């Protein structure tokens, strides 16, 4: 009885192979067209976000970051979809692959919860414009300048020059010191024994002169305001003046100039800004020096 061996061909027939090649090329071309369409849409979204931000500092950076996120997401989805469709054309059973991808995605989701939290937090930081590159922010009581902002973490540099990398999901309460305006209180201590009315008159004259000075008037959003006595202790009285300026160097520099003028004016008026301390020295009782021993002589 003749032995018949059936060998299944490795490659499909020529017609079917040609059809598969055409289908693969069409899939690649379709994926490329979809990618180009996604680039156009993302570019329009990026321009819209940039226009919405206007002239706000960091608006261009925020729009560029969002555009990069959407482009990367579109690339992953389009390439994955095209690859799965090509495998299906070549005769692969993609159902187990899809099921495995789903299980892998769930596993990665459980293992990368922190990463997902950081990315989501970074996305909302960018969308809501909570802070931008160059802003001075305060996190957990520490102030630092934002040097770089991504969807995963924020790079900060503090006053000492130290660089901090903070995951976006770790930021619970963020204080932005670079938005709108800032207010600085200047407290001048006046000795309690001085004439407080004279001290207030001198401070009022300094405030009026500084508000009229063109070199400083334009650097403040409002004239310097003399609030008056802020606090009283046994040795001194605090007189408070308030400066309202734009975020940046204008406020601190105006406060330093105001302190210098106050110091000079109060000294010229003879108003003491430092309290004197009285030290009472009494004689020791007879025999106390001997009882204290050598420590009394050293003292």
Foldseek 3Di string as FASTA:
>chain_A
DDDDDDDDDPDDDPVLVVVLVVVLVVLVVVLVVVLVVQLVVLVVQLVVQLVVCPPDPQSNVLSVQSSVVSSVVSVVVSVVVSVLVSCVSVPDDCPVVVVVVVVVVVVVCVVCVLQVLLLVLLNCCSVVVVDHQQWWKAAPRFTWGFHDGHSFWTWTAGPVRDIDTGGSNVGDDMGTQQPDKDKDKAKFKFFPPFDQVVLVVLLVVLQVVQCPDPVLVVQFPDRKAWPAFDDDDPTTTITMIMTMGHPDDSVVVSSVVSVVSSVVSCVVVVTDRDGDDDDDDDDDPPPPVVVVPPVVVVD
